[in-house]
Amino acid sequence: MFALRRIPALPMARGYASSRNASTLLFVEHKDNKVAPSTLNALSAASAIGGSVTALVAGAAPEAVVGEVAKLKGVSKVLVAKDAAHEHPLPETQASLLVEAQKKHGFTHLVASHSAFGKNIMPRVAALLDVSQVSDITAVEGEDTFVRPIYAGNAIAQVKSNDPIKVITVRGTAFPAAGHQDAAAPSEDAPAASSQSTATFVKEEMQKSDRPDLDSANRVIAGGRGMKNGENFKLLYDMADKLGAAVGASRAAVDAGFVDNSLQIGQTGKIVAPELYVAVGISGAIQHLAGMKDSKTIVAINKDPEAPIFQVADYGLVADLFQAVPEITQKL
């Protein structure tokens, strides 16, 4: 159960409370033998809770990932679940693995990033443990008290969980990425868990691109309904190639079929906080702002001077994007 009160927006850099009684299990997200950047942010949040942090790595051949995770700063031990069933992780099997690890080791906190991966698994874990999940935290106030946005980021809530086990997902953009340590943490086998599932892996279709990944890019150029059609997104791709940027989109552009939903930024899409965010033809609905307003520098290009996006932009250009974008690209 929760005790909740609203508080004013809080700075992300703060002094975290810690407890030696806490013990945290961090679920490691990885792909192609590389740890997902959001897991490094989740590790910083786990370390802020206090106590020891154990990392759980699951995979068919996870040795390379285990070696990388063992040298991350803050990790005291690595649990390794090596099984062919984890080659293509299904949420049912992964949730079972986390629950068995908690039961054996008595972890007080289970932490994962608030990515599609974490959001697919952690609610199942919370249900199996019969506790409430604390989602998308942006700060740690203590071992049982956390800060998270509500109402699409328009309000900030301080949430206190009275559950004996805290199941938490972490907003990656709110915490720094964890560094490395010289000595590698020891590893041991994770407890056996059921590999049976009513779901089976069929196939995975990935869109490959030479551009930076949207989740971790330092520069992002996003287009909205104002792009009018998918072909016009080539204007943004040309600019992105000059800047070494990733390309994103608003939900309106995705729903209109301009681009794939993997590019969607916002409350129901990806949350990004790059050094530079360029919003082109995006009006600035609160659902979109929730996914990008933590960007360091925001540039808005829109022909409507009353567009809400200008309220959060550091630099605004009131102009026809079909004239402005090619001109800017040419001068880059």
C-alpha atoms as a PDB file:
ATOM      1  CA  MET A   1       0.000   0.000   0.000  1.00  0.00           C
ATOM      2  CA  PHE A   2       1.080   3.597  -0.607  1.00  0.00           C
ATOM      3  CA  ALA A   3       1.008   6.852   1.269  1.00  0.00           C
ATOM      4  CA  LEU A   4       1.130   9.642  -1.299  1.00  0.00           C
ATOM      5  CA  ARG A   5       1.342  13.394  -1.255  1.00  0.00           C
ATOM      6  CA  ARG A   6       2.111  15.876  -3.999  1.00  0.00           C
ATOM      7  CA  ILE A   7       5.212  17.997  -3.708  1.00  0.00           C
ATOM      8  CA  PRO A   8       6.765  20.719  -5.874  1.00  0.00           C
ATOM      9  CA  ALA A   9       9.160  19.683  -8.609  1.00  0.00           C
ATOM     10  CA  LEU A  10      12.438  18.522  -7.132  1.00  0.00           C
ATOM     11  CA  PRO A  11      15.960  18.857  -8.509  1.00  0.00           C
ATOM     12  CA  MET A  12      17.460  15.583  -9.674  1.00  0.00           C
ATOM     13  CA  ALA A  13      20.738  16.074  -7.844  1.00  0.00           C
ATOM     14  CA  ARG A  14      20.063  15.496  -4.185  1.00  0.00           C
ATOM     15  CA  GLY A  15      21.352  13.766  -1.100  1.00  0.00           C
ATOM     16  CA  TYR A  16      19.912  10.279  -0.999  1.00  0.00           C
ATOM     17  CA  ALA A  17      19.026   8.514   2.211  1.00  0.00           C
ATOM     18  CA  SER A  18      20.543   5.065   2.583  1.00  0.00           C
ATOM     19  CA  SER A  19      20.075   2.016   4.737  1.00  0.00           C
ATOM     20  CA  ARG A  20      22.320  -0.894   5.549  1.00  0.00           C
ATOM     21  CA  ASN A  21      19.218  -3.055   5.936  1.00  0.00           C
ATOM     22  CA  ALA A  22      18.294  -2.754   2.269  1.00  0.00           C
ATOM     23  CA  SER A  23      19.376  -5.362  -0.265  1.00  0.00           C
ATOM     24  CA  THR A  24      18.586  -4.725  -3.914  1.00  0.00           C
ATOM     25  CA  LEU A  25      18.340  -7.020  -6.924  1.00  0.00           C
ATOM     26  CA  LEU A  26      18.967  -5.241 -10.222  1.00  0.00           C
ATOM     27  CA  PHE A  27      17.591  -6.938 -13.311  1.00  0.00           C
ATOM     28  CA  VAL A  28      20.066  -6.466 -16.170  1.00  0.00           C
ATOM     29  CA  GLU A  29      18.710  -5.755 -19.641  1.00  0.00           C
ATOM     30  CA  HIS A  30      21.109  -6.699 -22.433  1.00  0.00           C
ATOM     31  CA  LYS A  31      21.151  -7.268 -26.165  1.00  0.00           C
ATOM     32  CA  ASP A  32      23.855  -8.694 -28.446  1.00  0.00           C
ATOM     33  CA  ASN A  33      26.205  -9.178 -25.473  1.00  0.00           C
ATOM     34  CA  LYS A  34      25.937  -5.506 -24.495  1.00  0.00           C
ATOM     35  CA  VAL A  35      24.329  -4.075 -21.383  1.00  0.00           C
ATOM     36  CA  ALA A  36      21.482  -1.675 -22.177  1.00  0.00           C
ATOM     37  CA  PRO A  37      22.402   1.944 -21.267  1.00  0.00           C
ATOM     38  CA  SER A  38      19.197   2.286 -19.212  1.00  0.00           C
ATOM     39  CA  THR A  39      20.431  -0.481 -16.894  1.00  0.00           C
ATOM     40  CA  LEU A  40      23.422   1.684 -15.954  1.00  0.00           C
ATOM     41  CA  ASN A  41      21.016   4.431 -14.877  1.00  0.00           C
ATOM     42  CA  ALA A  42      18.912   1.932 -12.957  1.00  0.00           C
ATOM     43  CA  LEU A  43      22.069   0.795 -11.143  1.00  0.00           C
ATOM     44  CA  SER A  44      22.674   4.357  -9.937  1.00  0.00           C
ATOM     45  CA  ALA A  45      19.136   4.412  -8.526  1.00  0.00           C
ATOM     46  CA  ALA A  46      19.649   1.012  -6.896  1.00  0.00           C
ATOM     47  CA  SER A  47      22.877   2.231  -5.291  1.00  0.00           C
ATOM     48  CA  ALA A  48      21.069   5.316  -3.973  1.00  0.00           C
ATOM     49  CA  ILE A  49      18.663   3.109  -2.029  1.00  0.00           C
ATOM     50  CA  GLY A  50      21.575   1.916   0.087  1.00  0.00           C
ATOM     51  CA  GLY A  51      22.718  -1.519   1.186  1.00  0.00           C
ATOM     52  CA  SER A  52      24.138  -4.067  -1.235  1.00  0.00           C
ATOM     53  CA  VAL A  53      23.249  -4.344  -4.922  1.00  0.00           C
ATOM     54  CA  THR A  54      23.162  -7.736  -6.643  1.00  0.00           C
ATOM     55  CA  ALA A  55      22.774  -7.897 -10.413  1.00  0.00           C
ATOM     56  CA  LEU A  56      20.825 -10.661 -12.149  1.00  0.00           C
ATOM     57  CA  VAL A  57      21.913 -11.623 -15.677  1.00  0.00           C
ATOM     58  CA  ALA A  58      19.887 -14.128 -17.676  1.00  0.00           C
ATOM     59  CA  GLY A  59      20.796 -15.545 -21.069  1.00  0.00           C
ATOM     60  CA  ALA A  60      21.694 -18.596 -23.112  1.00  0.00           C
ATOM     61  CA  ALA A  61      25.391 -17.631 -23.131  1.00  0.00           C
ATOM     62  CA  PRO A  62      25.681 -14.601 -20.814  1.00  0.00           C
ATOM     63  CA  GLU A  63      29.404 -14.824 -19.999  1.00  0.00           C
ATOM     64  CA  ALA A  64      30.371 -11.589 -21.795  1.00  0.00           C
ATOM     65  CA  VAL A  65      27.566  -9.635 -20.160  1.00  0.00           C
ATOM     66  CA  VAL A  66      28.380 -11.097 -16.740  1.00  0.00           C
ATOM     67  CA  GLY A  67      31.994  -9.945 -17.120  1.00  0.00           C
ATOM     68  CA  GLU A  68      30.866  -6.414 -17.964  1.00  0.00           C
ATOM     69  CA  VAL A  69      28.279  -6.220 -15.182  1.00  0.00           C
ATOM     70  CA  ALA A  70      30.725  -7.539 -12.559  1.00  0.00           C
ATOM     71  CA  LYS A  71      32.921  -4.472 -13.108  1.00  0.00           C
ATOM     72  CA  LEU A  72      30.130  -1.910 -12.784  1.00  0.00           C
ATOM     73  CA  LYS A  73      30.500   0.377  -9.803  1.00  0.00           C
ATOM     74  CA  GLY A  74      28.061  -0.528  -7.045  1.00  0.00           C
ATOM     75  CA  VAL A  75      27.562  -4.180  -7.960  1.00  0.00           C
ATOM     76  CA  SER A  76      28.556  -6.458  -5.073  1.00  0.00           C
ATOM     77  CA  LYS A  77      27.542  -9.780  -6.644  1.00  0.00           C
ATOM     78  CA  VAL A  78      26.194 -11.163  -9.920  1.00  0.00           C
ATOM     79  CA  LEU A  79      23.578 -13.895 -10.140  1.00  0.00           C
ATOM     80  CA  VAL A  80      23.835 -15.802 -13.411  1.00  0.00           C
ATOM     81  CA  ALA A  81      20.886 -17.618 -14.979  1.00  0.00           C
ATOM     82  CA  LYS A  82      22.332 -19.553 -17.911  1.00  0.00           C
ATOM     83  CA  ASP A  83      19.672 -21.439 -19.823  1.00  0.00           C
ATOM     84  CA  ALA A  84      18.627 -21.825 -23.440  1.00  0.00           C
ATOM     85  CA  ALA A  85      15.161 -20.669 -22.349  1.00  0.00           C
ATOM     86  CA  HIS A  86      16.610 -17.185 -21.769  1.00  0.00           C
ATOM     87  CA  GLU A  87      18.013 -16.751 -25.291  1.00  0.00           C
ATOM     88  CA  HIS A  88      14.831 -14.935 -26.254  1.00  0.00           C
ATOM     89  CA  PRO A  89      13.500 -13.785 -22.878  1.00  0.00           C
ATOM     90  CA  LEU A  90       9.778 -14.020 -22.332  1.00  0.00           C
ATOM     91  CA  PRO A  91       8.230 -11.945 -19.517  1.00  0.00           C
ATOM     92  CA  GLU A  92       6.658 -15.006 -17.888  1.00  0.00           C
ATOM     93  CA  THR A  93       9.977 -16.835 -17.473  1.00  0.00           C
ATOM     94  CA  GLN A  94      11.877 -13.706 -16.471  1.00  0.00           C
ATOM     95  CA  ALA A  95       9.324 -12.786 -13.814  1.00  0.00           C
ATOM     96  CA  SER A  96       9.531 -16.290 -12.359  1.00  0.00           C
ATOM     97  CA  LEU A  97      13.323 -16.000 -12.247  1.00  0.00           C
ATOM     98  CA  LEU A  98      13.191 -12.727 -10.312  1.00  0.00           C
ATOM     99  CA  VAL A  99      10.670 -14.077  -7.825  1.00  0.00           C
ATOM    100  CA  GLU A 100      12.739 -17.193  -7.105  1.00  0.00           C
ATOM    101  CA  ALA A 101      15.863 -15.060  -6.602  1.00  0.00           C
ATOM    102  CA  GLN A 102      13.981 -12.831  -4.159  1.00  0.00           C
ATOM    103  CA  LYS A 103      12.657 -15.790  -2.195  1.00  0.00           C
ATOM    104  CA  LYS A 104      16.085 -17.398  -1.841  1.00  0.00           C
ATOM    105  CA  HIS A 105      18.111 -14.285  -1.008  1.00  0.00           C
ATOM    106  CA  GLY A 106      15.464 -12.141   0.685  1.00  0.00           C
ATOM    107  CA  PHE A 107      15.973  -8.993  -1.372  1.00  0.00           C
ATOM    108  CA  THR A 108      14.041  -5.983  -0.098  1.00  0.00           C
ATOM    109  CA  HIS A 109      14.076  -4.150  -3.439  1.00  0.00           C
ATOM    110  CA  LEU A 110      13.754  -5.388  -7.031  1.00  0.00           C
ATOM    111  CA  VAL A 111      14.819  -2.773  -9.583  1.00  0.00           C
ATOM    112  CA  ALA A 112      14.755  -2.532 -13.384  1.00  0.00           C
ATOM    113  CA  SER A 113      14.761   0.266 -15.921  1.00  0.00           C
ATOM    114  CA  HIS A 114      11.440   1.768 -17.029  1.00  0.00           C
ATOM    115  CA  SER A 115      12.070   0.586 -20.583  1.00  0.00           C
ATOM    116  CA  ALA A 116       9.715  -1.584 -22.615  1.00  0.00           C
ATOM    117  CA  PHE A 117      11.698  -4.525 -21.232  1.00  0.00           C
ATOM    118  CA  GLY A 118      11.244  -3.522 -17.595  1.00  0.00           C
ATOM    119  CA  LYS A 119       7.628  -2.450 -18.033  1.00  0.00           C
ATOM    120  CA  ASN A 120       6.813  -5.867 -19.478  1.00  0.00           C
ATOM    121  CA  ILE A 121       8.331  -7.861 -16.616  1.00  0.00           C
ATOM    122  CA  MET A 122       8.179  -5.947 -13.335  1.00  0.00           C
ATOM    123  CA  PRO A 123       4.354  -5.684 -13.043  1.00  0.00           C
ATOM    124  CA  ARG A 124       4.238  -9.471 -13.298  1.00  0.00           C
ATOM    125  CA  VAL A 125       6.830  -9.713 -10.537  1.00  0.00           C
ATOM    126  CA  ALA A 126       4.820  -7.379  -8.311  1.00  0.00           C
ATOM    127  CA  ALA A 127       1.674  -9.448  -8.897  1.00  0.00           C
ATOM    128  CA  LEU A 128       3.457 -12.719  -8.057  1.00  0.00           C
ATOM    129  CA  LEU A 129       4.822 -11.189  -4.846  1.00  0.00           C
ATOM    130  CA  ASP A 130       1.451  -9.568  -4.038  1.00  0.00           C
ATOM    131  CA  VAL A 131       2.894  -6.073  -3.669  1.00  0.00           C
ATOM    132  CA  SER A 132       2.333  -2.742  -5.410  1.00  0.00           C
ATOM    133  CA  GLN A 133       4.849  -1.529  -7.963  1.00  0.00           C
ATOM    134  CA  VAL A 134       6.460   1.912  -7.780  1.00  0.00           C
ATOM    135  CA  SER A 135       6.872   2.944 -11.410  1.00  0.00           C
ATOM    136  CA  ASP A 136       9.101   5.388 -13.250  1.00  0.00           C
ATOM    137  CA  ILE A 137      10.908   6.892 -10.249  1.00  0.00           C
ATOM    138  CA  THR A 138      13.027   9.992 -10.746  1.00  0.00           C
ATOM    139  CA  ALA A 139      14.586  10.297  -7.271  1.00  0.00           C
ATOM    140  CA  VAL A 140      15.199   8.268  -4.118  1.00  0.00           C
ATOM    141  CA  GLU A 141      14.244   9.843  -0.788  1.00  0.00           C
ATOM    142  CA  GLY A 142      14.879   6.747   1.323  1.00  0.00           C
ATOM    143  CA  GLU A 143      14.605   2.989   1.202  1.00  0.00           C
ATOM    144  CA  ASP A 144      10.799   3.218   1.150  1.00  0.00           C
ATOM    145  CA  THR A 145      10.210   6.698  -0.275  1.00  0.00           C
ATOM    146  CA  PHE A 146      10.544   7.694  -3.919  1.00  0.00           C
ATOM    147  CA  VAL A 147       9.681  10.531  -6.288  1.00  0.00           C
ATOM    148  CA  ARG A 148       7.827   9.926  -9.546  1.00  0.00           C
ATOM    149  CA  PRO A 149       5.937  12.035 -12.094  1.00  0.00           C
ATOM    150  CA  ILE A 150       2.152  11.768 -12.422  1.00  0.00           C
ATOM    151  CA  TYR A 151      -0.420  13.297 -14.784  1.00  0.00           C
ATOM    152  CA  ALA A 152       1.971  13.144 -17.747  1.00  0.00           C
ATOM    153  CA  GLY A 153       4.661  14.877 -15.744  1.00  0.00           C
ATOM    154  CA  ASN A 154       2.503  17.863 -14.774  1.00  0.00           C
ATOM    155  CA  ALA A 155       2.787  16.949 -11.096  1.00  0.00           C
ATOM    156  CA  ILE A 156       5.471  15.302  -9.007  1.00  0.00           C
ATOM    157  CA  ALA A 157       4.482  12.813  -6.306  1.00  0.00           C
ATOM    158  CA  GLN A 158       6.451  11.629  -3.306  1.00  0.00           C
ATOM    159  CA  VAL A 159       5.412   8.011  -2.785  1.00  0.00           C
ATOM    160  CA  LYS A 160       6.037   5.953   0.347  1.00  0.00           C
ATOM    161  CA  SER A 161       5.646   2.208  -0.010  1.00  0.00           C
ATOM    162  CA  ASN A 162       4.687   0.184   3.052  1.00  0.00           C
ATOM    163  CA  ASP A 163       5.129  -3.136   1.266  1.00  0.00           C
ATOM    164  CA  PRO A 164       7.885  -5.398   2.644  1.00  0.00           C
ATOM    165  CA  ILE A 165       9.288  -5.840  -0.880  1.00  0.00           C
ATOM    166  CA  LYS A 166       9.620  -2.861  -3.198  1.00  0.00           C
ATOM    167  CA  VAL A 167       9.287  -3.506  -6.940  1.00  0.00           C
ATOM    168  CA  ILE A 168      10.617  -0.463  -8.772  1.00  0.00           C
ATOM    169  CA  THR A 169      11.176   0.756 -12.319  1.00  0.00           C
ATOM    170  CA  VAL A 170      13.553   3.659 -12.922  1.00  0.00           C
ATOM    171  CA  ARG A 171      13.362   6.548 -15.380  1.00  0.00           C
ATOM    172  CA  GLY A 172      16.821   6.390 -16.921  1.00  0.00           C
ATOM    173  CA  THR A 173      17.032  10.067 -17.803  1.00  0.00           C
ATOM    174  CA  ALA A 174      16.727  11.036 -14.118  1.00  0.00           C
ATOM    175  CA  PHE A 175      19.865   9.233 -12.915  1.00  0.00           C
ATOM    176  CA  PRO A 176      23.482   9.291 -14.116  1.00  0.00           C
ATOM    177  CA  ALA A 177      24.949   6.183 -15.689  1.00  0.00           C
ATOM    178  CA  ALA A 178      26.957   4.034 -13.288  1.00  0.00           C
ATOM    179  CA  GLY A 179      30.705   3.908 -13.805  1.00  0.00           C
ATOM    180  CA  HIS A 180      33.157   1.054 -13.471  1.00  0.00           C
ATOM    181  CA  GLN A 181      35.205  -0.393 -10.630  1.00  0.00           C
ATOM    182  CA  ASP A 182      38.629  -2.005 -10.749  1.00  0.00           C
ATOM    183  CA  ALA A 183      37.825  -5.254  -8.965  1.00  0.00           C
ATOM    184  CA  ALA A 184      35.193  -7.526 -10.465  1.00  0.00           C
ATOM    185  CA  ALA A 185      32.339  -8.623  -8.236  1.00  0.00           C
ATOM    186  CA  PRO A 186      31.958 -12.386  -7.639  1.00  0.00           C
ATOM    187  CA  SER A 187      29.288 -14.361  -9.466  1.00  0.00           C
ATOM    188  CA  GLU A 188      27.173 -17.401  -8.646  1.00  0.00           C
ATOM    189  CA  ASP A 189      24.344 -19.350 -10.210  1.00  0.00           C
ATOM    190  CA  ALA A 190      20.861 -17.917  -9.862  1.00  0.00           C
ATOM    191  CA  PRO A 191      18.147 -20.078  -8.293  1.00  0.00           C
ATOM    192  CA  ALA A 192      16.348 -22.396 -10.680  1.00  0.00           C
ATOM    193  CA  ALA A 193      13.056 -21.052 -11.953  1.00  0.00           C
ATOM    194  CA  SER A 194      10.306 -22.397 -14.127  1.00  0.00           C
ATOM    195  CA  SER A 195      11.073 -22.099 -17.829  1.00  0.00           C
ATOM    196  CA  GLN A 196       7.545 -23.127 -18.800  1.00  0.00           C
ATOM    197  CA  SER A 197       5.348 -20.481 -20.366  1.00  0.00           C
ATOM    198  CA  THR A 198       2.053 -20.302 -22.172  1.00  0.00           C
ATOM    199  CA  ALA A 199       3.814 -18.032 -24.684  1.00  0.00           C
ATOM    200  CA  THR A 200       6.436 -19.135 -27.192  1.00  0.00           C
ATOM    201  CA  PHE A 201       8.996 -17.094 -29.089  1.00  0.00           C
ATOM    202  CA  VAL A 202       8.229 -16.986 -32.813  1.00  0.00           C
ATOM    203  CA  LYS A 203      10.491 -14.359 -34.347  1.00  0.00           C
ATOM    204  CA  GLU A 204      11.948 -10.921 -33.878  1.00  0.00           C
ATOM    205  CA  GLU A 205      11.950  -8.235 -36.533  1.00  0.00           C
ATOM    206  CA  MET A 206      14.448  -5.439 -36.011  1.00  0.00           C
ATOM    207  CA  GLN A 207      14.871  -2.236 -37.973  1.00  0.00           C
ATOM    208  CA  LYS A 208      18.585  -1.635 -38.432  1.00  0.00           C
ATOM    209  CA  SER A 209      19.994   1.841 -38.870  1.00  0.00           C
ATOM    210  CA  ASP A 210      23.392   3.481 -39.012  1.00  0.00           C
ATOM    211  CA  ARG A 211      22.027   6.344 -36.927  1.00  0.00           C
ATOM    212  CA  PRO A 212      22.370   6.432 -33.128  1.00  0.00           C
ATOM    213  CA  ASP A 213      19.832   4.553 -31.030  1.00  0.00           C
ATOM    214  CA  LEU A 214      16.949   6.810 -30.019  1.00  0.00           C
ATOM    215  CA  ASP A 215      17.116   5.761 -26.350  1.00  0.00           C
ATOM    216  CA  SER A 216      20.745   6.838 -25.876  1.00  0.00           C
ATOM    217  CA  ALA A 217      21.404   9.444 -28.592  1.00  0.00           C
ATOM    218  CA  ASN A 218      22.962  12.777 -27.581  1.00  0.00           C
ATOM    219  CA  ARG A 219      21.032  14.536 -30.352  1.00  0.00           C
ATOM    220  CA  VAL A 220      17.463  13.856 -31.454  1.00  0.00           C
ATOM    221  CA  ILE A 221      15.409  15.369 -34.265  1.00  0.00           C
ATOM    222  CA  ALA A 222      11.693  14.639 -34.022  1.00  0.00           C
ATOM    223  CA  GLY A 223       8.858  15.293 -36.426  1.00  0.00           C
ATOM    224  CA  GLY A 224       5.157  15.689 -35.819  1.00  0.00           C
ATOM    225  CA  ARG A 225       1.883  15.934 -37.692  1.00  0.00           C
ATOM    226  CA  GLY A 226       3.224  19.033 -39.423  1.00  0.00           C
ATOM    227  CA  MET A 227       5.473  16.805 -41.567  1.00  0.00           C
ATOM    228  CA  LYS A 228       2.249  15.935 -43.490  1.00  0.00           C
ATOM    229  CA  ASN A 229       3.464  12.511 -44.704  1.00  0.00           C
ATOM    230  CA  GLY A 230       6.161   9.905 -44.255  1.00  0.00           C
ATOM    231  CA  GLU A 231       8.111  10.915 -47.358  1.00  0.00           C
ATOM    232  CA  ASN A 232       8.756  14.350 -45.855  1.00  0.00           C
ATOM    233  CA  PHE A 233      10.627  12.737 -42.956  1.00  0.00           C
ATOM    234  CA  LYS A 234      13.557  12.539 -45.385  1.00  0.00           C
ATOM    235  CA  LEU A 235      14.121  16.212 -44.504  1.00  0.00           C
ATOM    236  CA  LEU A 236      14.744  15.166 -40.906  1.00  0.00           C
ATOM    237  CA  TYR A 237      16.914  12.202 -41.883  1.00  0.00           C
ATOM    238  CA  ASP A 238      19.108  14.533 -43.956  1.00  0.00           C
ATOM    239  CA  MET A 239      19.497  16.886 -40.990  1.00  0.00           C
ATOM    240  CA  ALA A 240      20.133  13.976 -38.643  1.00  0.00           C
ATOM    241  CA  ASP A 241      22.933  12.694 -40.868  1.00  0.00           C
ATOM    242  CA  LYS A 242      24.638  16.086 -40.655  1.00  0.00           C
ATOM    243  CA  LEU A 243      24.295  16.212 -36.865  1.00  0.00           C
ATOM    244  CA  GLY A 244      24.884  12.551 -36.081  1.00  0.00           C
ATOM    245  CA  ALA A 245      21.425  12.512 -34.518  1.00  0.00           C
ATOM    246  CA  ALA A 246      18.637   9.983 -34.037  1.00  0.00           C
ATOM    247  CA  VAL A 247      15.211  10.592 -35.535  1.00  0.00           C
ATOM    248  CA  GLY A 248      12.010  10.413 -33.485  1.00  0.00           C
ATOM    249  CA  ALA A 249       8.368  11.315 -33.879  1.00  0.00           C
ATOM    250  CA  SER A 250       5.307  12.416 -31.965  1.00  0.00           C
ATOM    251  CA  ARG A 251       2.396  10.063 -31.421  1.00  0.00           C
ATOM    252  CA  ALA A 252       0.345  12.043 -33.938  1.00  0.00           C
ATOM    253  CA  ALA A 253       2.919  11.289 -36.649  1.00  0.00           C
ATOM    254  CA  VAL A 254       3.036   7.616 -35.678  1.00  0.00           C
ATOM    255  CA  ASP A 255      -0.755   7.258 -35.551  1.00  0.00           C
ATOM    256  CA  ALA A 256      -0.971   8.888 -38.973  1.00  0.00           C
ATOM    257  CA  GLY A 257       1.352   6.182 -40.322  1.00  0.00           C
ATOM    258  CA  PHE A 258       4.203   8.531 -41.209  1.00  0.00           C
ATOM    259  CA  VAL A 259       6.822   6.433 -39.381  1.00  0.00           C
ATOM    260  CA  ASP A 260       7.135   3.235 -37.369  1.00  0.00           C
ATOM    261  CA  ASN A 261       5.983   3.271 -33.732  1.00  0.00           C
ATOM    262  CA  SER A 262       9.540   2.424 -32.609  1.00  0.00           C
ATOM    263  CA  LEU A 263      10.288   6.130 -33.183  1.00  0.00           C
ATOM    264  CA  GLN A 264       7.512   7.414 -30.928  1.00  0.00           C
ATOM    265  CA  ILE A 265       8.553   9.802 -28.148  1.00  0.00           C
ATOM    266  CA  GLY A 266       6.216  10.700 -25.318  1.00  0.00           C
ATOM    267  CA  GLN A 267       4.213   9.375 -22.417  1.00  0.00           C
ATOM    268  CA  THR A 268       3.200   6.259 -24.364  1.00  0.00           C
ATOM    269  CA  GLY A 269       6.477   6.024 -26.257  1.00  0.00           C
ATOM    270  CA  LYS A 270      10.131   6.491 -25.419  1.00  0.00           C
ATOM    271  CA  ILE A 271      11.436   8.993 -22.882  1.00  0.00           C
ATOM    272  CA  VAL A 272      14.580  10.781 -23.994  1.00  0.00           C
ATOM    273  CA  ALA A 273      16.809  13.485 -22.549  1.00  0.00           C
ATOM    274  CA  PRO A 274      19.501  14.271 -25.137  1.00  0.00           C
ATOM    275  CA  GLU A 275      21.864  17.225 -25.150  1.00  0.00           C
ATOM    276  CA  LEU A 276      19.963  18.619 -28.161  1.00  0.00           C
ATOM    277  CA  TYR A 277      16.315  18.006 -29.049  1.00  0.00           C
ATOM    278  CA  VAL A 278      14.927  19.534 -32.235  1.00  0.00           C
ATOM    279  CA  ALA A 279      11.113  19.430 -32.494  1.00  0.00           C
ATOM    280  CA  VAL A 280       9.915  19.971 -36.067  1.00  0.00           C
ATOM    281  CA  GLY A 281       6.229  20.445 -36.789  1.00  0.00           C
ATOM    282  CA  ILE A 282       5.295  19.288 -33.286  1.00  0.00           C
ATOM    283  CA  SER A 283       2.609  21.266 -31.475  1.00  0.00           C
ATOM    284  CA  GLY A 284       3.688  20.173 -28.000  1.00  0.00           C
ATOM    285  CA  ALA A 285       0.851  18.186 -26.434  1.00  0.00           C
ATOM    286  CA  ILE A 286       1.518  17.279 -22.803  1.00  0.00           C
ATOM    287  CA  GLN A 287       1.831  13.607 -23.708  1.00  0.00           C
ATOM    288  CA  HIS A 288       4.755  14.433 -25.981  1.00  0.00           C
ATOM    289  CA  LEU A 289       6.352  16.880 -23.553  1.00  0.00           C
ATOM    290  CA  ALA A 290       6.403  14.136 -20.914  1.00  0.00           C
ATOM    291  CA  GLY A 291       8.868  12.233 -23.091  1.00  0.00           C
ATOM    292  CA  MET A 292      11.372  14.992 -23.927  1.00  0.00           C
ATOM    293  CA  LYS A 293      11.113  17.994 -21.613  1.00  0.00           C
ATOM    294  CA  ASP A 294      14.222  16.928 -19.642  1.00  0.00           C
ATOM    295  CA  SER A 295      16.373  17.501 -22.754  1.00  0.00           C
ATOM    296  CA  LYS A 296      19.264  19.878 -22.104  1.00  0.00           C
ATOM    297  CA  THR A 297      18.568  22.171 -25.080  1.00  0.00           C
ATOM    298  CA  ILE A 298      15.239  22.195 -26.919  1.00  0.00           C
ATOM    299  CA  VAL A 299      14.819  23.799 -30.339  1.00  0.00           C
ATOM    300  CA  ALA A 300      11.325  24.142 -31.811  1.00  0.00           C
ATOM    301  CA  ILE A 301      10.434  24.825 -35.449  1.00  0.00           C
ATOM    302  CA  ASN A 302       6.746  25.496 -36.031  1.00  0.00           C
ATOM    303  CA  LYS A 303       4.759  27.934 -38.152  1.00  0.00           C
ATOM    304  CA  ASP A 304       2.212  28.478 -35.350  1.00  0.00           C
ATOM    305  CA  PRO A 305       3.594  31.074 -32.896  1.00  0.00           C
ATOM    306  CA  GLU A 306       1.029  29.919 -30.295  1.00  0.00           C
ATOM    307  CA  ALA A 307       2.153  26.280 -30.338  1.00  0.00           C
ATOM    308  CA  PRO A 308       2.672  24.977 -26.754  1.00  0.00           C
ATOM    309  CA  ILE A 309       6.084  23.570 -27.705  1.00  0.00           C
ATOM    310  CA  PHE A 310       7.500  27.105 -27.579  1.00  0.00           C
ATOM    311  CA  GLN A 311       6.743  27.269 -23.847  1.00  0.00           C
ATOM    312  CA  VAL A 312       9.414  24.657 -23.106  1.00  0.00           C
ATOM    313  CA  ALA A 313      11.804  25.459 -25.959  1.00  0.00           C
ATOM    314  CA  ASP A 314      15.143  27.174 -25.333  1.00  0.00           C
ATOM    315  CA  TYR A 315      15.168  28.365 -28.939  1.00  0.00           C
ATOM    316  CA  GLY A 316      12.148  28.788 -31.169  1.00  0.00           C
ATOM    317  CA  LEU A 317      11.843  29.419 -34.883  1.00  0.00           C
ATOM    318  CA  VAL A 318       8.430  30.471 -36.214  1.00  0.00           C
ATOM    319  CA  ALA A 319       8.695  29.414 -39.840  1.00  0.00           C
ATOM    320  CA  ASP A 320       7.501  26.977 -42.483  1.00  0.00           C
ATOM    321  CA  LEU A 321       9.452  23.804 -41.743  1.00  0.00           C
ATOM    322  CA  PHE A 322       9.617  22.904 -45.453  1.00  0.00           C
ATOM    323  CA  GLN A 323      11.685  26.031 -46.031  1.00  0.00           C
ATOM    324  CA  ALA A 324      13.529  26.222 -42.703  1.00  0.00           C
ATOM    325  CA  VAL A 325      14.744  22.622 -42.383  1.00  0.00           C
ATOM    326  CA  PRO A 326      16.444  22.364 -45.820  1.00  0.00           C
ATOM    327  CA  GLU A 327      18.070  25.757 -45.266  1.00  0.00           C
ATOM    328  CA  ILE A 328      19.395  24.783 -41.833  1.00  0.00           C
ATOM    329  CA  THR A 329      20.611  21.431 -43.179  1.00  0.00           C
ATOM    330  CA  GLN A 330      22.464  23.141 -46.011  1.00  0.00           C
ATOM    331  CA  LYS A 331      24.292  25.395 -43.557  1.00  0.00           C
ATOM    332  CA  LEU A 332      25.304  22.656 -41.132  1.00  0.00           C
END
